[in-house]
């Protein structure tokens, strides 16, 4: 009879909730990579045993592994590798916390290794996300920063900000929704624990230990939200430029004003005196230039507008700029 009954058997044969390989490492089973979102088990409707606090405050997990999940070919972004195909190199140990509209969720990804330069790239990096087609790219729901990440639903709120709807105001609104969600979770957990607390006080149960609910995680400051908005603008810079330069018209009008210049604050304040706009018959702005003197330095702007019409093969305007 063998001293060790598990000798000669793989770790996967041992009853374990997580499949392991021969080196006792977590094994990636392809059948388990059929979804992006992994939600924690929810609390039971009818509580028959002492509830655990984890089930009431657990967070969802987004597992981002585009190469394994969609079988797409990804290439090394480093210069000199000549688009060497990347290979999977296991799950990254770092897990990001993502700020959502009413809570948080966790984000995990895998490592991708180049077989030529032997360097690794995270699958959530911009160099990898830019290689995906639009259908798979839009399924990555957040913008990453040095510490945390922000869900796109908050980014959409930041795009609509303006007077009376600043980053500080949006942060306060998100913080209020986080607080409401945290109160609901607390009420649910404490209500399920109430029966066991009463039974312990009456002597029906002994050694009942109720865990305290966790404290609510605080949101980053409003400057972090402004940084998220800036990153979103940079990611859509080509689209914004295309939408601006695609504006045209048959009747063009040029006008100079000082109203826009007076709104400049900080370092740009008092660096320009005039703002010259070129618009069309629909009230759309084709171009806008700030100058120190009225009418000075506008030749380059007019030449570029003429080139824009020639490149897009649009009929020339009826009226000349005046």
Protein backbone atom coordinates (compact mmCIF):
# COMPACT_ATOMS: atom_id res chain seq x y z
CA UNK A 1 0.00 0.00 0.00
CA UNK A 2 1.41 3.39 -1.02
CA UNK A 3 2.20 5.94 1.65
CA UNK A 4 0.98 8.81 -0.52
CA UNK A 5 -2.26 7.96 -2.34
CA UNK A 6 -1.94 11.03 -4.57
CA UNK A 7 1.52 10.12 -5.85
CA UNK A 8 1.66 9.77 -9.62
CA UNK A 9 -1.60 11.63 -10.12
CA UNK A 10 -1.90 15.11 -11.58
CA UNK A 11 -3.11 17.95 -9.42
CA UNK A 12 -6.21 18.24 -11.56
CA UNK A 13 -7.38 14.80 -10.40
CA UNK A 14 -7.49 15.99 -6.79
CA UNK A 15 -10.83 17.46 -5.85
CA UNK A 16 -10.11 21.18 -5.99
CA UNK A 17 -12.36 24.13 -6.82
CA UNK A 18 -9.62 25.59 -9.06
CA UNK A 19 -7.90 23.37 -11.66
CA UNK A 20 -4.12 23.20 -11.17
CA UNK A 21 -1.33 21.98 -13.42
CA UNK A 22 1.63 19.74 -12.52
CA UNK A 23 3.48 22.66 -10.87
CA UNK A 24 0.49 23.56 -8.70
CA UNK A 25 -0.22 26.67 -10.77
CA UNK A 26 -3.66 27.80 -11.86
CA UNK A 27 -4.50 26.11 -15.15
CA UNK A 28 -6.46 28.00 -17.80
CA UNK A 29 -9.22 25.75 -19.06
CA UNK A 30 -10.46 26.90 -22.51
CA UNK A 31 -14.03 25.93 -21.65
CA UNK A 32 -13.96 28.43 -18.77
CA UNK A 33 -12.99 31.38 -20.99
CA UNK A 34 -16.36 31.67 -22.70
CA UNK A 35 -17.37 34.93 -21.01
CA UNK A 36 -15.90 38.29 -20.05
CA UNK A 37 -17.83 39.03 -16.89
CA UNK A 38 -17.69 36.86 -13.77
CA UNK A 39 -20.22 37.75 -11.09
CA UNK A 40 -19.87 36.61 -7.46
CA UNK A 41 -22.50 34.31 -5.91
CA UNK A 42 -25.48 36.24 -4.62
CA UNK A 43 -26.95 35.92 -1.10
CA UNK A 44 -29.67 33.32 -0.64
CA UNK A 45 -33.27 34.51 -0.65
CA UNK A 46 -34.12 32.43 2.43
CA UNK A 47 -31.25 32.55 4.96
CA UNK A 48 -30.92 29.29 6.93
CA UNK A 49 -27.37 29.76 8.22
CA UNK A 50 -25.27 32.65 9.44
CA UNK A 51 -24.71 34.88 6.38
CA UNK A 52 -21.20 35.71 5.26
CA UNK A 53 -20.37 39.33 4.65
CA UNK A 54 -18.46 38.57 1.43
CA UNK A 55 -21.55 37.61 -0.55
CA UNK A 56 -23.17 40.97 0.13
CA UNK A 57 -20.21 43.18 -0.77
CA UNK A 58 -18.33 41.13 -3.39
CA UNK A 59 -17.46 42.80 -6.71
CA UNK A 60 -17.77 41.50 -10.27
CA UNK A 61 -14.64 40.60 -12.24
CA UNK A 62 -13.89 41.43 -15.86
CA UNK A 63 -11.36 38.95 -17.28
CA UNK A 64 -9.78 40.53 -20.36
CA UNK A 65 -7.95 37.94 -22.50
CA UNK A 66 -8.65 38.81 -26.16
CA UNK A 67 -6.13 36.38 -27.65
CA UNK A 68 -7.55 33.33 -25.86
CA UNK A 69 -11.19 34.40 -25.84
CA UNK A 70 -11.51 35.45 -29.50
CA UNK A 71 -8.50 33.69 -31.10
CA UNK A 72 -7.25 36.97 -32.60
CA UNK A 73 -3.68 37.50 -33.77
CA UNK A 74 -1.82 40.18 -31.84
CA UNK A 75 1.63 41.50 -32.73
CA UNK A 76 4.52 42.94 -30.73
CA UNK A 77 4.32 46.75 -30.63
CA UNK A 78 8.03 47.28 -29.95
CA UNK A 79 10.18 48.57 -32.83
CA UNK A 80 12.52 46.09 -34.45
CA UNK A 81 10.29 43.05 -33.94
CA UNK A 82 8.71 43.37 -37.40
CA UNK A 83 5.21 42.51 -36.13
CA UNK A 84 6.19 39.30 -34.38
CA UNK A 85 3.08 37.48 -33.18
CA UNK A 86 2.54 37.51 -29.42
CA UNK A 87 1.98 34.38 -27.33
CA UNK A 88 0.05 34.04 -24.09
CA UNK A 89 2.19 34.03 -20.94
CA UNK A 90 -0.30 33.53 -18.12
CA UNK A 91 -2.55 35.83 -16.14
CA UNK A 92 -1.03 39.01 -14.78
CA UNK A 93 -0.86 39.23 -10.99
CA UNK A 94 -2.07 42.82 -10.93
CA UNK A 95 -5.82 43.44 -10.63
CA UNK A 96 -7.20 46.93 -11.26
CA UNK A 97 -10.09 48.54 -9.42
CA UNK A 98 -12.54 50.19 -11.82
CA UNK A 99 -14.79 53.05 -10.70
CA UNK A 100 -18.33 52.37 -11.96
CA UNK A 101 -21.43 54.53 -11.87
CA UNK A 102 -22.74 53.00 -8.63
CA UNK A 103 -19.86 50.90 -7.30
CA UNK A 104 -16.60 49.20 -8.22
CA UNK A 105 -15.55 46.11 -10.15
CA UNK A 106 -12.20 44.39 -10.69
CA UNK A 107 -10.29 44.09 -13.94
CA UNK A 108 -7.77 41.31 -14.68
CA UNK A 109 -5.83 40.56 -17.85
CA UNK A 110 -3.19 38.20 -19.21
CA UNK A 111 0.43 38.70 -20.23
CA UNK A 112 1.45 38.53 -23.88
CA UNK A 113 5.07 37.67 -24.68
CA UNK A 114 7.01 38.30 -27.87
CA UNK A 115 8.98 35.27 -29.03
CA UNK A 116 11.64 37.51 -30.60
CA UNK A 117 12.47 40.21 -28.05
CA UNK A 118 11.09 38.20 -25.07
CA UNK A 119 9.36 41.29 -23.71
CA UNK A 120 5.87 41.15 -22.25
CA UNK A 121 2.86 43.35 -22.91
CA UNK A 122 -0.36 43.54 -20.93
CA UNK A 123 -3.48 42.80 -22.95
CA UNK A 124 -5.22 45.93 -21.61
CA UNK A 125 -2.47 48.27 -22.88
CA UNK A 126 -3.33 50.77 -25.61
CA UNK A 127 -0.87 49.13 -28.02
CA UNK A 128 -2.92 45.90 -27.86
CA UNK A 129 -6.37 47.48 -27.75
CA UNK A 130 -5.61 49.47 -30.90
CA UNK A 131 -5.01 46.21 -32.82
CA UNK A 132 -8.53 44.91 -32.16
CA UNK A 133 -11.39 45.53 -34.55
CA UNK A 134 -14.14 47.91 -33.51
CA UNK A 135 -16.51 45.10 -32.48
CA UNK A 136 -14.06 43.71 -29.93
CA UNK A 137 -12.53 47.06 -28.97
CA UNK A 138 -15.80 48.51 -27.70
CA UNK A 139 -16.19 45.58 -25.29
CA UNK A 140 -13.32 46.97 -23.19
CA UNK A 141 -15.44 49.18 -20.93
CA UNK A 142 -12.98 51.47 -19.15
CA UNK A 143 -10.09 53.92 -19.36
CA UNK A 144 -6.95 53.09 -17.35
CA UNK A 145 -4.84 55.46 -15.28
CA UNK A 146 -1.70 54.94 -13.22
CA UNK A 147 -3.67 53.67 -10.22
CA UNK A 148 -7.38 53.09 -10.87
CA UNK A 149 -9.61 52.85 -13.92
CA UNK A 150 -12.88 54.55 -14.90
CA UNK A 151 -15.90 52.95 -16.53
CA UNK A 152 -17.14 54.37 -19.82
CA UNK A 153 -20.53 55.22 -18.34
CA UNK A 154 -18.83 57.87 -16.21
CA UNK A 155 -16.82 59.01 -19.23
CA UNK A 156 -20.08 59.68 -21.09
CA UNK A 157 -21.15 61.95 -18.22
CA UNK A 158 -17.83 63.80 -18.44
CA UNK A 159 -18.33 64.43 -22.16
CA UNK A 160 -21.54 66.32 -21.41
CA UNK A 161 -20.05 68.51 -18.71
CA UNK A 162 -20.36 72.30 -18.88
CA UNK A 163 -21.41 75.26 -16.76
CA UNK A 164 -23.06 73.94 -13.61
CA UNK A 165 -22.00 70.39 -14.53
CA UNK A 166 -18.28 70.40 -13.82
CA UNK A 167 -16.04 67.47 -12.90
CA UNK A 168 -16.60 68.24 -9.22
CA UNK A 169 -20.36 68.13 -9.70
CA UNK A 170 -20.16 64.84 -11.62
CA UNK A 171 -17.96 63.37 -8.89
CA UNK A 172 -20.52 64.38 -6.27
CA UNK A 173 -23.31 62.70 -8.27
CA UNK A 174 -21.30 59.48 -8.67
CA UNK A 175 -20.39 59.56 -4.97
CA UNK A 176 -24.08 59.88 -4.06
CA UNK A 177 -24.95 56.80 -6.15
CA UNK A 178 -22.07 54.86 -4.54
CA UNK A 179 -23.39 55.82 -1.12
CA UNK A 180 -26.95 54.71 -1.99
CA UNK A 181 -25.71 51.34 -3.29
CA UNK A 182 -23.58 50.84 -0.16
CA UNK A 183 -26.58 51.60 2.08
CA UNK A 184 -28.71 49.04 0.22
CA UNK A 185 -26.03 46.38 0.67
CA UNK A 186 -25.74 47.21 4.38
CA UNK A 187 -29.51 47.06 4.88
CA UNK A 188 -29.68 43.69 3.11
CA UNK A 189 -26.83 42.21 5.15
CA UNK A 190 -27.97 43.51 8.54
CA UNK A 191 -31.56 42.43 7.91
CA UNK A 192 -30.45 38.85 7.22
CA UNK A 193 -28.31 38.93 10.39
CA UNK A 194 -31.10 40.31 12.57
CA UNK A 195 -32.73 36.92 13.20
CA UNK A 196 -29.45 35.35 14.35
CA UNK A 197 -28.71 38.32 16.62
CA UNK A 198 -32.13 38.00 18.28
CA UNK A 199 -31.67 34.24 18.68
CA UNK A 200 -28.27 34.80 20.30
CA UNK A 201 -29.69 37.35 22.74
CA UNK A 202 -32.52 34.99 23.75
CA UNK A 203 -30.10 32.10 24.31
CA UNK A 204 -31.23 29.92 21.41
CA UNK A 205 -27.83 30.22 19.74
CA UNK A 206 -24.38 30.53 21.27
CA UNK A 207 -21.07 31.77 19.93
CA UNK A 208 -22.70 33.82 17.19
CA UNK A 209 -20.19 36.23 15.68
CA UNK A 210 -21.51 38.79 13.22
CA UNK A 211 -18.88 40.39 11.02
CA UNK A 212 -19.03 44.15 10.63
CA UNK A 213 -19.83 45.40 7.11
CA UNK A 214 -16.82 46.89 5.30
CA UNK A 215 -16.34 50.62 5.04
CA UNK A 216 -17.33 52.31 1.84
CA UNK A 217 -14.43 52.85 -0.54
CA UNK A 218 -13.80 56.51 -1.30
CA UNK A 219 -13.76 57.96 -4.79
CA UNK A 220 -10.73 59.69 -6.32
CA UNK A 221 -10.63 63.48 -6.33
CA UNK A 222 -12.17 65.62 -9.06
CA UNK A 223 -8.77 66.16 -10.69
CA UNK A 224 -8.65 62.43 -11.41
CA UNK A 225 -11.96 62.71 -13.27
CA UNK A 226 -10.53 65.60 -15.29
CA UNK A 227 -7.53 63.41 -16.18
CA UNK A 228 -9.94 60.70 -17.36
CA UNK A 229 -11.72 63.21 -19.60
CA UNK A 230 -8.40 64.35 -21.10
CA UNK A 231 -7.43 60.74 -21.88
CA UNK A 232 -10.81 60.18 -23.52
CA UNK A 233 -10.30 63.23 -25.74
CA UNK A 234 -6.83 62.03 -26.78
CA UNK A 235 -8.19 58.58 -27.67
CA UNK A 236 -10.86 60.20 -29.87
CA UNK A 237 -8.54 62.86 -31.30
CA UNK A 238 -8.58 61.50 -34.86
CA UNK A 239 -12.37 61.25 -34.79
CA UNK A 240 -12.68 64.80 -33.45
CA UNK A 241 -10.33 66.15 -36.10
CA UNK A 242 -12.26 64.32 -38.81
CA UNK A 243 -15.57 65.73 -37.61
CA UNK A 244 -14.14 69.26 -37.52
CA UNK A 245 -12.42 69.16 -40.90
CA UNK A 246 -15.42 67.52 -42.60
CA UNK A 247 -17.51 70.68 -42.13
CA UNK A 248 -17.96 72.57 -45.40
CA UNK A 249 -20.42 74.90 -47.10
CA UNK A 250 -21.16 76.95 -50.21
CA UNK A 251 -21.35 80.37 -48.52
CA UNK A 252 -18.50 81.25 -46.17
CA UNK A 253 -18.24 84.16 -43.78
CA UNK A 254 -15.32 85.36 -41.68
CA UNK A 255 -15.80 87.36 -38.50
CA UNK A 256 -13.53 88.51 -35.66
CA UNK A 257 -14.56 88.92 -32.03
CA UNK A 258 -13.07 89.55 -28.59
CA UNK A 259 -15.73 87.70 -26.57
CA UNK A 260 -14.03 84.30 -26.81
CA UNK A 261 -10.62 85.73 -25.89
CA UNK A 262 -11.96 87.30 -22.70
CA UNK A 263 -12.96 83.84 -21.42
CA UNK A 264 -9.37 82.58 -21.41
CA UNK A 265 -8.02 81.93 -17.92
CA UNK A 266 -4.70 80.88 -16.43
CA UNK A 267 -1.55 81.05 -18.52
CA UNK A 268 -3.38 81.56 -21.87
CA UNK A 269 -5.05 84.71 -20.48
CA UNK A 270 -4.04 87.96 -22.24
CA UNK A 271 -1.96 86.07 -24.82
CA UNK A 272 -4.42 86.83 -27.66
CA UNK A 273 -6.69 89.78 -28.48
CA UNK A 274 -8.83 88.56 -31.38
CA UNK A 275 -10.59 85.34 -32.33
CA UNK A 276 -11.36 84.96 -36.04
CA UNK A 277 -13.99 82.40 -37.07
CA UNK A 278 -14.89 81.09 -40.52
CA UNK A 279 -18.46 79.80 -40.73
CA UNK A 280 -20.87 78.56 -43.38
CA UNK A 281 -24.52 79.22 -44.20
CA UNK A 282 -25.63 76.64 -41.62
CA UNK A 283 -23.95 78.39 -38.69
CA UNK A 284 -21.19 75.75 -38.46
CA UNK A 285 -17.59 76.78 -37.75
CA UNK A 286 -15.00 75.63 -40.29
CA UNK A 287 -11.98 77.04 -38.51
CA UNK A 288 -11.08 79.32 -35.64
CA UNK A 289 -7.81 81.18 -35.08
CA UNK A 290 -6.67 83.41 -32.22
CA UNK A 291 -4.33 86.29 -33.06
CA UNK A 292 -2.72 89.24 -31.30
CA UNK A 293 -3.80 91.73 -34.00
CA UNK A 294 -7.01 91.83 -36.00
CA UNK A 295 -6.45 90.37 -39.46
CA UNK A 296 -2.83 89.41 -38.75
CA UNK A 297 -1.60 85.94 -39.69
CA UNK A 298 -4.84 84.75 -41.33
CA UNK A 299 -3.27 83.91 -44.69
CA UNK A 300 -2.27 80.39 -43.60
CA UNK A 301 -5.79 79.70 -42.37
CA UNK A 302 -7.35 80.79 -45.66
CA UNK A 303 -4.86 78.75 -47.70
CA UNK A 304 -5.62 75.61 -45.65
CA UNK A 305 -9.36 76.08 -46.11
CA UNK A 306 -8.85 76.26 -49.88
CA UNK A 307 -6.73 73.08 -49.74
CA UNK A 308 -9.45 71.36 -47.71
CA UNK A 309 -12.01 72.07 -50.43
CA UNK A 310 -9.65 70.80 -53.12
CA UNK A 311 -8.82 67.57 -51.26
CA UNK A 312 -12.45 66.66 -50.64
CA UNK A 313 -13.36 67.74 -54.23
CA UNK A 314 -16.09 69.97 -52.89
CA UNK A 315 -17.40 72.74 -55.20
CA UNK A 316 -15.88 76.11 -54.46
CA UNK A 317 -17.85 78.54 -52.33
CA UNK A 318 -20.16 81.07 -53.95
CA UNK A 319 -19.02 84.06 -51.95
CA UNK A 320 -15.43 84.89 -51.18
CA UNK A 321 -14.31 85.40 -47.61
CA UNK A 322 -14.96 88.92 -46.46
